[in-house]
Amino acid sequence: MEANILVGGPKQFWPANFEQLATKHAQDFIWVGADQGAVALCELGISPNLAIGDFDSASSRDQFLVQVRAQKIIAARSEKDYTDTQLAVLMTEKYFPQVDKINIYGATGGRLDHLLANIFLVLGPEFEHLAAKVRLFDCQNSVSFYLPGEYQLLKEAQMTYLAFIPLTAVKDLSLFNTKYRLAKAKFNRPISLASNEFMEEKAHFAFSEGIVCVIQSRD
């Protein structure tokens, strides 16, 4: 089972197929709305399984819409220890433990501090164990996260580029079947190894320590 979390980023950065996914295949997913994302889900005709946020920027009309449509609402204080996205991920794990993938939409395209908080989410000790489940999607990118191990990547349709981004110090990073390869490279700080490419429909990579973000993207 997959959960789709919609947060409050600009709609023009949603994947092209998001509204179709939300309207034609809504029953196939758990739906969670974070703050304005909950409002957007309701406007698409979805009754979120869970709506989370302080809704401090929502109009009275939007607040009423969420109250009527959402199956469960978790009200958060505007001053809190977690962002709405972080809280949505934590509550998704709590209320829907059967979920094996957490897809986050609306996490890019707005404020840079929000974007960085979303990228860095898996670095928190309470989130690290969820790294393999969490993915971010927008109109140009898909973002996934990995703990140490050996992995196979499948080239996604319409994606051109492949980036490997050590979010922490990383040891023994090796890249196979990619345009630019590595053999047991060590990085002591975060770095974006950008603009790599698949040479086939599959690529492989491995590392022994740290957390790596992988981005498939297109122009």
N, C-alpha and C. Protein backbone atom coordinates (compact mmCIF):
# COMPACT_ATOMS: atom_id res chain seq x y z
N MET A 1 0.84 -1.20 0.00
CA MET A 1 0.00 0.00 0.00
C MET A 1 0.88 1.25 0.00
N GLU A 2 0.50 2.23 -0.80
CA GLU A 2 1.24 3.48 -0.88
C GLU A 2 0.40 4.62 -0.31
N ALA A 3 1.09 5.56 0.31
CA ALA A 3 0.45 6.77 0.79
C ALA A 3 0.94 7.94 -0.04
N ASN A 4 0.03 8.80 -0.45
CA ASN A 4 0.37 10.03 -1.15
C ASN A 4 0.13 11.20 -0.21
N ILE A 5 1.19 11.95 0.05
CA ILE A 5 1.09 13.15 0.87
C ILE A 5 1.18 14.36 -0.04
N LEU A 6 0.20 15.24 0.03
CA LEU A 6 0.26 16.49 -0.72
C LEU A 6 0.50 17.63 0.25
N VAL A 7 1.58 18.38 0.02
CA VAL A 7 1.88 19.54 0.83
C VAL A 7 1.64 20.80 0.00
N GLY A 8 1.95 21.95 0.55
CA GLY A 8 1.42 23.19 0.00
C GLY A 8 2.23 23.90 -1.05
N GLY A 9 3.12 23.21 -1.76
CA GLY A 9 3.90 23.86 -2.81
C GLY A 9 3.03 24.27 -3.99
N PRO A 10 3.55 25.15 -4.86
CA PRO A 10 2.77 25.64 -6.00
C PRO A 10 2.28 24.52 -6.92
N LYS A 11 1.04 24.64 -7.36
CA LYS A 11 0.43 23.60 -8.18
C LYS A 11 1.14 23.41 -9.52
N GLN A 12 1.76 24.46 -10.03
CA GLN A 12 2.40 24.33 -11.35
C GLN A 12 3.60 23.40 -11.31
N PHE A 13 4.04 23.03 -10.12
CA PHE A 13 5.16 22.09 -9.99
C PHE A 13 4.70 20.66 -9.73
N TRP A 14 3.39 20.44 -9.67
CA TRP A 14 2.91 19.06 -9.55
C TRP A 14 3.29 18.29 -10.81
N PRO A 15 3.49 16.97 -10.70
CA PRO A 15 3.68 16.15 -11.91
C PRO A 15 2.47 16.29 -12.84
N ALA A 16 2.72 16.15 -14.12
CA ALA A 16 1.65 16.34 -15.10
C ALA A 16 0.48 15.39 -14.88
N ASN A 17 0.77 14.20 -14.34
CA ASN A 17 -0.28 13.19 -14.17
C ASN A 17 -0.91 13.22 -12.78
N PHE A 18 -0.58 14.23 -11.96
CA PHE A 18 -1.03 14.16 -10.57
C PHE A 18 -2.55 14.24 -10.44
N GLU A 19 -3.18 15.16 -11.15
CA GLU A 19 -4.63 15.29 -11.02
C GLU A 19 -5.34 14.04 -11.52
N GLN A 20 -4.82 13.43 -12.58
CA GLN A 20 -5.39 12.17 -13.05
C GLN A 20 -5.23 11.08 -12.01
N LEU A 21 -4.05 11.03 -11.40
CA LEU A 21 -3.80 10.07 -10.33
C LEU A 21 -4.77 10.28 -9.19
N ALA A 22 -5.00 11.55 -8.86
CA ALA A 22 -5.85 11.88 -7.72
C ALA A 22 -7.32 11.62 -7.98
N THR A 23 -7.75 11.75 -9.22
CA THR A 23 -9.17 11.61 -9.51
C THR A 23 -9.56 10.22 -9.99
N LYS A 24 -8.71 9.59 -10.82
CA LYS A 24 -9.07 8.29 -11.39
C LYS A 24 -8.58 7.11 -10.56
N HIS A 25 -7.57 7.33 -9.73
CA HIS A 25 -6.99 6.22 -8.98
C HIS A 25 -6.95 6.51 -7.48
N ALA A 26 -7.82 7.39 -7.03
CA ALA A 26 -7.79 7.81 -5.63
C ALA A 26 -7.95 6.64 -4.68
N GLN A 27 -8.78 5.67 -5.07
CA GLN A 27 -9.07 4.55 -4.18
C GLN A 27 -7.88 3.62 -3.99
N ASP A 28 -6.85 3.78 -4.79
CA ASP A 28 -5.69 2.89 -4.71
C ASP A 28 -4.66 3.33 -3.68
N PHE A 29 -4.89 4.49 -3.05
CA PHE A 29 -3.89 5.06 -2.16
C PHE A 29 -4.49 5.54 -0.85
N ILE A 30 -3.63 5.66 0.15
CA ILE A 30 -3.93 6.45 1.33
C ILE A 30 -3.59 7.90 0.98
N TRP A 31 -4.49 8.83 1.30
CA TRP A 31 -4.26 10.24 0.97
C TRP A 31 -4.12 11.06 2.24
N VAL A 32 -3.03 11.82 2.30
CA VAL A 32 -2.76 12.68 3.45
C VAL A 32 -2.49 14.09 2.94
N GLY A 33 -3.18 15.06 3.51
CA GLY A 33 -2.97 16.45 3.13
C GLY A 33 -2.32 17.21 4.25
N ALA A 34 -1.26 17.94 3.93
CA ALA A 34 -0.56 18.76 4.92
C ALA A 34 -0.90 20.22 4.67
N ASP A 35 -1.65 20.81 5.58
CA ASP A 35 -2.04 22.21 5.53
C ASP A 35 -2.72 22.53 4.19
N GLN A 36 -2.16 23.43 3.38
CA GLN A 36 -2.82 23.78 2.12
C GLN A 36 -2.94 22.59 1.17
N GLY A 37 -2.10 21.59 1.35
CA GLY A 37 -2.24 20.37 0.57
C GLY A 37 -3.55 19.66 0.85
N ALA A 38 -4.01 19.74 2.09
CA ALA A 38 -5.30 19.14 2.44
C ALA A 38 -6.43 19.86 1.72
N VAL A 39 -6.33 21.18 1.66
CA VAL A 39 -7.34 21.97 0.95
C VAL A 39 -7.36 21.58 -0.53
N ALA A 40 -6.18 21.47 -1.13
CA ALA A 40 -6.08 21.13 -2.55
C ALA A 40 -6.68 19.75 -2.84
N LEU A 41 -6.43 18.78 -1.95
CA LEU A 41 -7.03 17.45 -2.14
C LEU A 41 -8.55 17.53 -2.10
N CYS A 42 -9.07 18.28 -1.16
CA CYS A 42 -10.53 18.42 -1.06
C CYS A 42 -11.10 19.07 -2.31
N GLU A 43 -10.40 20.05 -2.85
CA GLU A 43 -10.86 20.72 -4.07
C GLU A 43 -10.83 19.78 -5.27
N LEU A 44 -9.98 18.76 -5.22
CA LEU A 44 -9.95 17.75 -6.28
C LEU A 44 -11.02 16.68 -6.11
N GLY A 45 -11.78 16.78 -5.03
CA GLY A 45 -12.84 15.81 -4.78
C GLY A 45 -12.42 14.63 -3.94
N ILE A 46 -11.21 14.66 -3.40
CA ILE A 46 -10.70 13.58 -2.56
C ILE A 46 -11.04 13.87 -1.10
N SER A 47 -11.45 12.85 -0.39
CA SER A 47 -11.64 12.95 1.05
C SER A 47 -10.38 12.42 1.71
N PRO A 48 -9.48 13.30 2.16
CA PRO A 48 -8.22 12.82 2.72
C PRO A 48 -8.44 11.87 3.89
N ASN A 49 -7.69 10.78 3.91
CA ASN A 49 -7.72 9.91 5.08
C ASN A 49 -7.23 10.64 6.31
N LEU A 50 -6.35 11.62 6.08
CA LEU A 50 -5.76 12.37 7.17
C LEU A 50 -5.43 13.77 6.67
N ALA A 51 -5.80 14.79 7.45
CA ALA A 51 -5.44 16.18 7.17
C ALA A 51 -4.68 16.71 8.37
N ILE A 52 -3.54 17.32 8.11
CA ILE A 52 -2.65 17.75 9.18
C ILE A 52 -2.20 19.18 8.93
N GLY A 53 -2.14 19.98 9.99
CA GLY A 53 -1.57 21.30 9.85
C GLY A 53 -2.16 22.30 10.81
N ASP A 54 -1.60 23.50 10.79
CA ASP A 54 -2.16 24.56 11.62
C ASP A 54 -3.21 25.36 10.85
N PHE A 55 -3.20 25.24 9.51
CA PHE A 55 -4.18 25.91 8.64
C PHE A 55 -4.25 27.41 8.94
N ASP A 56 -3.11 27.98 9.34
CA ASP A 56 -3.09 29.39 9.71
C ASP A 56 -3.28 30.32 8.51
N SER A 57 -2.96 29.83 7.32
CA SER A 57 -3.13 30.67 6.13
C SER A 57 -4.38 30.31 5.34
N ALA A 58 -5.17 29.38 5.86
CA ALA A 58 -6.38 28.93 5.16
C ALA A 58 -7.54 29.86 5.48
N SER A 59 -8.35 30.13 4.48
CA SER A 59 -9.56 30.94 4.69
C SER A 59 -10.58 30.13 5.47
N SER A 60 -11.61 30.81 5.96
CA SER A 60 -12.66 30.10 6.69
C SER A 60 -13.36 29.11 5.77
N ARG A 61 -13.47 29.46 4.48
CA ARG A 61 -14.07 28.54 3.51
C ARG A 61 -13.23 27.28 3.38
N ASP A 62 -11.90 27.45 3.27
CA ASP A 62 -11.02 26.30 3.13
C ASP A 62 -11.02 25.44 4.39
N GLN A 63 -11.02 26.06 5.54
CA GLN A 63 -11.06 25.31 6.79
C GLN A 63 -12.34 24.49 6.88
N PHE A 64 -13.46 25.08 6.46
CA PHE A 64 -14.73 24.35 6.47
C PHE A 64 -14.69 23.18 5.50
N LEU A 65 -14.10 23.39 4.33
CA LEU A 65 -14.00 22.32 3.33
C LEU A 65 -13.24 21.13 3.89
N VAL A 66 -12.13 21.38 4.57
CA VAL A 66 -11.35 20.30 5.16
C VAL A 66 -12.13 19.62 6.28
N GLN A 67 -12.80 20.40 7.10
CA GLN A 67 -13.58 19.82 8.19
C GLN A 67 -14.67 18.89 7.68
N VAL A 68 -15.27 19.24 6.56
CA VAL A 68 -16.36 18.44 6.00
C VAL A 68 -15.84 17.18 5.30
N ARG A 69 -14.73 17.30 4.59
CA ARG A 69 -14.28 16.21 3.74
C ARG A 69 -13.28 15.26 4.39
N ALA A 70 -12.39 15.77 5.22
CA ALA A 70 -11.32 14.92 5.77
C ALA A 70 -11.87 13.88 6.73
N GLN A 71 -11.35 12.66 6.63
CA GLN A 71 -11.80 11.59 7.52
C GLN A 71 -11.25 11.76 8.93
N LYS A 72 -10.04 12.31 9.03
CA LYS A 72 -9.44 12.59 10.33
C LYS A 72 -8.60 13.85 10.20
N ILE A 73 -8.69 14.72 11.20
CA ILE A 73 -7.94 15.97 11.20
C ILE A 73 -7.05 16.02 12.43
N ILE A 74 -5.78 16.33 12.21
CA ILE A 74 -4.85 16.55 13.31
C ILE A 74 -4.45 18.02 13.26
N ALA A 75 -4.91 18.78 14.23
CA ALA A 75 -4.62 20.21 14.28
C ALA A 75 -3.27 20.42 14.95
N ALA A 76 -2.42 21.17 14.29
CA ALA A 76 -1.08 21.46 14.83
C ALA A 76 -0.99 22.94 15.18
N ARG A 77 -0.19 23.23 16.16
CA ARG A 77 0.07 24.63 16.50
C ARG A 77 0.93 25.26 15.42
N SER A 78 0.78 26.56 15.21
CA SER A 78 1.60 27.23 14.20
C SER A 78 3.07 27.25 14.62
N GLU A 79 3.32 27.29 15.92
CA GLU A 79 4.69 27.19 16.43
C GLU A 79 4.89 25.78 16.96
N LYS A 80 5.67 24.99 16.23
CA LYS A 80 5.81 23.58 16.56
C LYS A 80 7.21 23.11 16.20
N ASP A 81 7.55 21.92 16.66
CA ASP A 81 8.90 21.38 16.46
C ASP A 81 9.10 20.78 15.07
N TYR A 82 8.00 20.45 14.38
CA TYR A 82 8.09 19.83 13.06
C TYR A 82 7.43 20.70 12.01
N THR A 83 7.92 20.61 10.78
CA THR A 83 7.20 21.22 9.67
C THR A 83 5.94 20.40 9.40
N ASP A 84 5.03 20.99 8.63
CA ASP A 84 3.81 20.24 8.29
C ASP A 84 4.14 18.96 7.53
N THR A 85 5.15 19.02 6.65
CA THR A 85 5.55 17.82 5.91
C THR A 85 6.09 16.76 6.84
N GLN A 86 6.97 17.15 7.74
CA GLN A 86 7.53 16.19 8.70
C GLN A 86 6.43 15.57 9.54
N LEU A 87 5.51 16.40 10.00
CA LEU A 87 4.41 15.89 10.82
C LEU A 87 3.53 14.94 10.01
N ALA A 88 3.31 15.25 8.74
CA ALA A 88 2.51 14.38 7.89
C ALA A 88 3.16 13.01 7.72
N VAL A 89 4.48 12.99 7.57
CA VAL A 89 5.18 11.71 7.43
C VAL A 89 5.09 10.91 8.73
N LEU A 90 5.30 11.56 9.85
CA LEU A 90 5.22 10.86 11.14
C LEU A 90 3.83 10.30 11.39
N MET A 91 2.80 11.08 11.10
CA MET A 91 1.43 10.63 11.35
C MET A 91 1.00 9.56 10.34
N THR A 92 1.54 9.63 9.13
CA THR A 92 1.26 8.56 8.16
C THR A 92 1.80 7.24 8.68
N GLU A 93 3.01 7.27 9.20
CA GLU A 93 3.59 6.04 9.76
C GLU A 93 2.78 5.56 10.96
N LYS A 94 2.32 6.49 11.79
CA LYS A 94 1.59 6.11 13.00
C LYS A 94 0.23 5.49 12.68
N TYR A 95 -0.53 6.13 11.81
CA TYR A 95 -1.91 5.70 11.57
C TYR A 95 -2.03 4.66 10.45
N PHE A 96 -1.02 4.58 9.59
CA PHE A 96 -1.08 3.63 8.48
C PHE A 96 0.22 2.84 8.41
N PRO A 97 0.50 2.02 9.42
CA PRO A 97 1.78 1.30 9.47
C PRO A 97 1.95 0.31 8.33
N GLN A 98 0.86 -0.04 7.64
CA GLN A 98 0.94 -0.99 6.53
C GLN A 98 1.54 -0.36 5.27
N VAL A 99 1.68 0.95 5.26
CA VAL A 99 2.20 1.64 4.08
C VAL A 99 3.67 1.32 3.86
N ASP A 100 4.02 0.95 2.62
CA ASP A 100 5.43 0.66 2.32
C ASP A 100 6.09 1.70 1.43
N LYS A 101 5.30 2.66 0.93
CA LYS A 101 5.86 3.78 0.17
C LYS A 101 5.13 5.06 0.56
N ILE A 102 5.90 6.11 0.77
CA ILE A 102 5.34 7.41 1.12
C ILE A 102 5.75 8.40 0.03
N ASN A 103 4.81 8.74 -0.84
CA ASN A 103 5.07 9.63 -1.97
C ASN A 103 4.65 11.04 -1.59
N ILE A 104 5.57 11.98 -1.71
CA ILE A 104 5.29 13.36 -1.30
C ILE A 104 5.24 14.25 -2.54
N TYR A 105 4.13 14.96 -2.68
CA TYR A 105 3.94 15.90 -3.78
C TYR A 105 3.79 17.32 -3.21
N GLY A 106 4.10 18.31 -4.03
CA GLY A 106 3.98 19.69 -3.58
C GLY A 106 5.09 20.13 -2.65
N ALA A 107 6.19 19.39 -2.66
CA ALA A 107 7.29 19.67 -1.73
C ALA A 107 8.36 20.57 -2.34
N THR A 108 8.19 20.98 -3.59
CA THR A 108 9.20 21.79 -4.27
C THR A 108 8.54 22.99 -4.92
N GLY A 109 9.38 23.91 -5.39
CA GLY A 109 8.88 25.02 -6.19
C GLY A 109 8.51 26.27 -5.43
N GLY A 110 8.49 26.20 -4.11
CA GLY A 110 8.16 27.37 -3.32
C GLY A 110 9.39 27.91 -2.60
N ARG A 111 9.26 28.09 -1.30
CA ARG A 111 10.36 28.63 -0.52
C ARG A 111 11.52 27.65 -0.44
N LEU A 112 12.74 28.18 -0.54
CA LEU A 112 13.92 27.33 -0.51
C LEU A 112 14.11 26.68 0.85
N ASP A 113 13.75 27.37 1.93
CA ASP A 113 13.91 26.74 3.25
C ASP A 113 12.99 25.54 3.39
N HIS A 114 11.79 25.63 2.79
CA HIS A 114 10.89 24.48 2.81
C HIS A 114 11.46 23.33 1.97
N LEU A 115 12.00 23.66 0.81
CA LEU A 115 12.59 22.62 -0.05
C LEU A 115 13.71 21.90 0.68
N LEU A 116 14.61 22.65 1.31
CA LEU A 116 15.73 22.02 2.01
C LEU A 116 15.23 21.18 3.17
N ALA A 117 14.23 21.67 3.89
CA ALA A 117 13.67 20.88 4.99
C ALA A 117 13.11 19.56 4.47
N ASN A 118 12.51 19.58 3.29
CA ASN A 118 11.95 18.35 2.72
C ASN A 118 13.04 17.40 2.25
N ILE A 119 14.10 17.93 1.65
CA ILE A 119 15.22 17.09 1.21
C ILE A 119 15.95 16.49 2.41
N PHE A 120 16.11 17.31 3.46
CA PHE A 120 16.86 16.86 4.64
C PHE A 120 16.02 16.04 5.61
N LEU A 121 14.75 15.85 5.31
CA LEU A 121 13.84 15.18 6.23
C LEU A 121 14.39 13.86 6.74
N VAL A 122 14.95 13.05 5.85
CA VAL A 122 15.38 11.70 6.23
C VAL A 122 16.62 11.69 7.11
N LEU A 123 17.23 12.86 7.32
CA LEU A 123 18.41 12.92 8.17
C LEU A 123 18.06 12.92 9.65
N GLY A 124 16.83 13.27 9.99
CA GLY A 124 16.42 13.27 11.39
C GLY A 124 16.38 11.86 11.94
N PRO A 125 16.81 11.67 13.19
CA PRO A 125 16.83 10.32 13.76
C PRO A 125 15.47 9.65 13.78
N GLU A 126 14.40 10.43 13.88
CA GLU A 126 13.06 9.85 13.89
C GLU A 126 12.54 9.52 12.49
N PHE A 127 13.30 9.94 11.46
CA PHE A 127 12.88 9.69 10.08
C PHE A 127 13.82 8.76 9.32
N GLU A 128 15.03 8.58 9.80
CA GLU A 128 16.04 7.86 9.02
C GLU A 128 15.58 6.46 8.63
N HIS A 129 14.87 5.78 9.53
CA HIS A 129 14.42 4.42 9.22
C HIS A 129 13.38 4.39 8.11
N LEU A 130 12.82 5.57 7.77
CA LEU A 130 11.82 5.65 6.71
C LEU A 130 12.43 6.02 5.36
N ALA A 131 13.75 6.19 5.32
CA ALA A 131 14.40 6.70 4.11
C ALA A 131 14.02 5.92 2.87
N ALA A 132 14.00 4.61 2.96
CA ALA A 132 13.71 3.78 1.79
C ALA A 132 12.26 3.91 1.32
N LYS A 133 11.38 4.40 2.19
CA LYS A 133 9.97 4.54 1.84
C LYS A 133 9.65 5.88 1.19
N VAL A 134 10.40 6.91 1.54
CA VAL A 134 10.04 8.28 1.18
C VAL A 134 10.53 8.63 -0.23
N ARG A 135 9.64 9.22 -1.02
CA ARG A 135 9.99 9.72 -2.35
C ARG A 135 9.31 11.06 -2.57
N LEU A 136 9.98 11.95 -3.26
CA LEU A 136 9.42 13.25 -3.62
C LEU A 136 9.25 13.31 -5.13
N PHE A 137 8.13 13.87 -5.57
CA PHE A 137 7.86 13.97 -7.01
C PHE A 137 7.42 15.39 -7.36
N ASP A 138 7.92 15.89 -8.50
CA ASP A 138 7.36 17.10 -9.08
C ASP A 138 7.38 16.96 -10.60
N CYS A 139 7.17 18.05 -11.31
CA CYS A 139 7.01 17.97 -12.76
C CYS A 139 8.31 17.67 -13.50
N GLN A 140 9.45 17.76 -12.83
CA GLN A 140 10.73 17.50 -13.49
C GLN A 140 11.61 16.49 -12.78
N ASN A 141 11.25 16.10 -11.59
CA ASN A 141 12.15 15.31 -10.76
C ASN A 141 11.43 14.22 -9.98
N SER A 142 12.15 13.13 -9.76
CA SER A 142 11.74 12.17 -8.74
C SER A 142 12.95 11.96 -7.82
N VAL A 143 12.69 11.99 -6.53
CA VAL A 143 13.76 11.98 -5.53
C VAL A 143 13.55 10.80 -4.60
N SER A 144 14.59 10.01 -4.40
CA SER A 144 14.51 8.88 -3.47
C SER A 144 15.75 8.89 -2.58
N PHE A 145 15.68 8.12 -1.50
CA PHE A 145 16.72 8.15 -0.48
C PHE A 145 17.16 6.73 -0.14
N TYR A 146 18.44 6.58 0.19
CA TYR A 146 18.99 5.25 0.41
C TYR A 146 19.92 5.23 1.61
N LEU A 147 19.81 4.15 2.36
CA LEU A 147 20.75 3.82 3.42
C LEU A 147 21.80 2.87 2.85
N PRO A 148 22.89 2.60 3.55
CA PRO A 148 23.97 1.78 2.99
C PRO A 148 23.48 0.43 2.44
N GLY A 149 24.04 0.05 1.30
CA GLY A 149 23.67 -1.21 0.67
C GLY A 149 24.00 -1.19 -0.81
N GLU A 150 23.50 -2.20 -1.53
CA GLU A 150 23.66 -2.30 -2.97
C GLU A 150 22.28 -2.19 -3.61
N TYR A 151 22.17 -1.38 -4.68
CA TYR A 151 20.86 -1.08 -5.24
C TYR A 151 20.86 -1.11 -6.76
N GLN A 152 19.69 -1.42 -7.31
CA GLN A 152 19.45 -1.33 -8.74
C GLN A 152 18.45 -0.21 -8.98
N LEU A 153 18.72 0.64 -9.96
CA LEU A 153 17.82 1.71 -10.34
C LEU A 153 17.24 1.43 -11.71
N LEU A 154 15.95 1.66 -11.86
CA LEU A 154 15.29 1.54 -13.15
C LEU A 154 15.07 2.94 -13.71
N LYS A 155 15.41 3.14 -14.97
CA LYS A 155 15.21 4.43 -15.60
C LYS A 155 13.72 4.73 -15.72
N GLU A 156 13.32 5.89 -15.23
CA GLU A 156 11.92 6.27 -15.29
C GLU A 156 11.60 6.91 -16.64
N ALA A 157 10.40 6.68 -17.11
CA ALA A 157 9.98 7.22 -18.40
C ALA A 157 10.12 8.73 -18.41
N GLN A 158 10.64 9.25 -19.50
CA GLN A 158 10.78 10.68 -19.77
C GLN A 158 11.86 11.36 -18.93
N MET A 159 12.55 10.63 -18.10
CA MET A 159 13.65 11.22 -17.34
C MET A 159 14.96 11.08 -18.11
N THR A 160 15.81 12.10 -18.01
CA THR A 160 17.06 12.14 -18.76
C THR A 160 18.29 11.99 -17.87
N TYR A 161 18.27 12.69 -16.76
CA TYR A 161 19.48 12.81 -15.94
C TYR A 161 19.36 12.02 -14.64
N LEU A 162 20.53 11.75 -14.08
CA LEU A 162 20.62 10.96 -12.87
C LEU A 162 21.65 11.62 -11.96
N ALA A 163 21.27 11.91 -10.74
CA ALA A 163 22.19 12.56 -9.79
C ALA A 163 22.28 11.73 -8.52
N PHE A 164 23.48 11.64 -8.00
CA PHE A 164 23.73 10.98 -6.71
C PHE A 164 24.23 12.05 -5.75
N ILE A 165 23.52 12.22 -4.65
CA ILE A 165 23.81 13.31 -3.72
C ILE A 165 24.05 12.76 -2.33
N PRO A 166 25.29 12.61 -1.91
CA PRO A 166 25.56 12.26 -0.52
C PRO A 166 25.04 13.37 0.39
N LEU A 167 24.10 13.04 1.26
CA LEU A 167 23.56 14.03 2.19
C LEU A 167 24.39 14.12 3.46
N THR A 168 25.23 13.12 3.67
CA THR A 168 26.11 13.05 4.83
C THR A 168 27.48 12.62 4.32
N ALA A 169 28.41 12.44 5.22
CA ALA A 169 29.65 11.77 4.83
C ALA A 169 29.29 10.37 4.33
N VAL A 170 29.89 9.97 3.22
CA VAL A 170 29.57 8.69 2.58
C VAL A 170 30.87 7.97 2.25
N LYS A 171 30.86 6.66 2.46
CA LYS A 171 32.03 5.84 2.16
C LYS A 171 31.72 4.82 1.08
N ASP A 172 32.73 4.55 0.25
CA ASP A 172 32.70 3.46 -0.72
C ASP A 172 31.57 3.58 -1.73
N LEU A 173 31.30 4.80 -2.20
CA LEU A 173 30.25 4.98 -3.20
C LEU A 173 30.76 4.53 -4.57
N SER A 174 30.09 3.53 -5.11
CA SER A 174 30.42 3.01 -6.44
C SER A 174 29.21 3.12 -7.34
N LEU A 175 29.43 3.57 -8.58
CA LEU A 175 28.37 3.70 -9.58
C LEU A 175 28.68 2.81 -10.76
N PHE A 176 27.69 2.00 -11.17
CA PHE A 176 27.86 1.07 -12.28
C PHE A 176 26.79 1.34 -13.33
N ASN A 177 27.10 1.06 -14.59
CA ASN A 177 26.14 1.22 -15.69
C ASN A 177 25.62 2.64 -15.80
N THR A 178 26.44 3.61 -15.45
CA THR A 178 26.11 5.01 -15.61
C THR A 178 27.15 5.66 -16.51
N LYS A 179 26.82 6.82 -17.06
CA LYS A 179 27.76 7.50 -17.97
C LYS A 179 29.06 7.83 -17.26
N TYR A 180 28.94 8.30 -16.03
CA TYR A 180 30.12 8.60 -15.22
C TYR A 180 30.14 7.63 -14.05
N ARG A 181 31.21 6.89 -13.91
CA ARG A 181 31.28 5.83 -12.91
C ARG A 181 32.17 6.24 -11.75
N LEU A 182 31.97 5.55 -10.65
CA LEU A 182 32.81 5.74 -9.47
C LEU A 182 33.18 4.38 -8.91
N ALA A 183 34.29 4.33 -8.21
CA ALA A 183 34.71 3.09 -7.55
C ALA A 183 35.14 3.41 -6.12
N LYS A 184 34.28 3.05 -5.19
CA LYS A 184 34.56 3.18 -3.76
C LYS A 184 35.05 4.58 -3.38
N ALA A 185 34.32 5.59 -3.84
CA ALA A 185 34.68 6.98 -3.54
C ALA A 185 34.22 7.35 -2.14
N LYS A 186 34.96 8.26 -1.54
CA LYS A 186 34.65 8.73 -0.19
C LYS A 186 34.36 10.23 -0.25
N PHE A 187 33.30 10.64 0.45
CA PHE A 187 32.95 12.06 0.52
C PHE A 187 32.76 12.43 1.99
N ASN A 188 33.39 13.52 2.39
CA ASN A 188 33.33 13.94 3.78
C ASN A 188 32.26 14.99 4.04
N ARG A 189 31.59 15.41 3.00
CA ARG A 189 30.57 16.46 3.13
C ARG A 189 29.50 16.25 2.06
N PRO A 190 28.35 16.90 2.22
CA PRO A 190 27.32 16.80 1.18
C PRO A 190 27.83 17.37 -0.15
N ILE A 191 27.46 16.71 -1.23
CA ILE A 191 27.86 17.15 -2.56
C ILE A 191 26.86 16.61 -3.57
N SER A 192 26.63 17.36 -4.64
CA SER A 192 25.73 16.91 -5.70
C SER A 192 26.53 16.41 -6.88
N LEU A 193 26.49 15.12 -7.11
CA LEU A 193 27.13 14.50 -8.28
C LEU A 193 26.08 14.49 -9.39
N ALA A 194 25.96 15.63 -10.05
CA ALA A 194 24.82 15.88 -10.94
C ALA A 194 25.10 15.49 -12.38
N SER A 195 24.03 15.49 -13.18
CA SER A 195 24.09 15.34 -14.64
C SER A 195 24.72 14.04 -15.10
N ASN A 196 24.60 12.99 -14.29
CA ASN A 196 24.95 11.66 -14.76
C ASN A 196 23.80 11.14 -15.62
N GLU A 197 23.98 10.00 -16.25
CA GLU A 197 22.93 9.44 -17.10
C GLU A 197 22.98 7.92 -17.06
N PHE A 198 21.82 7.32 -17.33
CA PHE A 198 21.76 5.87 -17.52
C PHE A 198 22.42 5.52 -18.85
N MET A 199 23.14 4.42 -18.89
CA MET A 199 23.66 3.88 -20.14
C MET A 199 22.76 2.78 -20.67
N GLU A 200 21.95 2.21 -19.79
CA GLU A 200 20.97 1.18 -20.13
C GLU A 200 19.69 1.52 -19.38
N GLU A 201 18.75 0.62 -19.38
CA GLU A 201 17.51 0.85 -18.65
C GLU A 201 17.69 0.66 -17.15
N LYS A 202 18.81 0.07 -16.76
CA LYS A 202 19.09 -0.17 -15.35
C LYS A 202 20.48 0.36 -15.01
N ALA A 203 20.63 0.81 -13.79
CA ALA A 203 21.94 1.19 -13.26
C ALA A 203 22.06 0.62 -11.86
N HIS A 204 23.28 0.52 -11.38
CA HIS A 204 23.52 -0.02 -10.05
C HIS A 204 24.44 0.92 -9.28
N PHE A 205 24.25 0.95 -7.97
CA PHE A 205 25.18 1.69 -7.13
C PHE A 205 25.24 1.04 -5.76
N ALA A 206 26.29 1.36 -5.03
CA ALA A 206 26.49 0.77 -3.71
C ALA A 206 27.30 1.74 -2.86
N PHE A 207 27.10 1.67 -1.55
CA PHE A 207 27.94 2.41 -0.61
C PHE A 207 27.82 1.75 0.75
N SER A 208 28.78 2.04 1.62
CA SER A 208 28.86 1.32 2.89
C SER A 208 28.50 2.15 4.11
N GLU A 209 28.42 3.47 3.94
CA GLU A 209 28.14 4.32 5.11
C GLU A 209 27.54 5.64 4.65
N GLY A 210 26.53 6.12 5.39
CA GLY A 210 25.94 7.42 5.10
C GLY A 210 24.54 7.31 4.53
N ILE A 211 24.04 8.42 3.99
CA ILE A 211 22.73 8.49 3.35
C ILE A 211 22.90 9.17 2.00
N VAL A 212 22.35 8.56 0.97
CA VAL A 212 22.48 9.08 -0.39
C VAL A 212 21.09 9.38 -0.96
N CYS A 213 20.97 10.55 -1.55
CA CYS A 213 19.76 10.96 -2.27
C CYS A 213 20.01 10.73 -3.76
N VAL A 214 19.04 10.15 -4.44
CA VAL A 214 19.14 9.91 -5.89
C VAL A 214 18.01 10.67 -6.58
N ILE A 215 18.36 11.43 -7.59
CA ILE A 215 17.37 12.21 -8.33
C ILE A 215 17.40 11.82 -9.80
N GLN A 216 16.25 11.45 -10.33
CA GLN A 216 16.07 11.33 -11.78
C GLN A 216 15.32 12.58 -12.24
N SER A 217 15.80 13.20 -13.32
CA SER A 217 15.24 14.50 -13.70
C SER A 217 15.26 14.69 -15.21
N ARG A 218 14.58 15.74 -15.63
CA ARG A 218 14.59 16.15 -17.03
C ARG A 218 14.54 17.67 -17.09
N ASP A 219 14.92 18.22 -18.24
CA ASP A 219 14.88 19.68 -18.42
C ASP A 219 13.44 20.14 -18.60
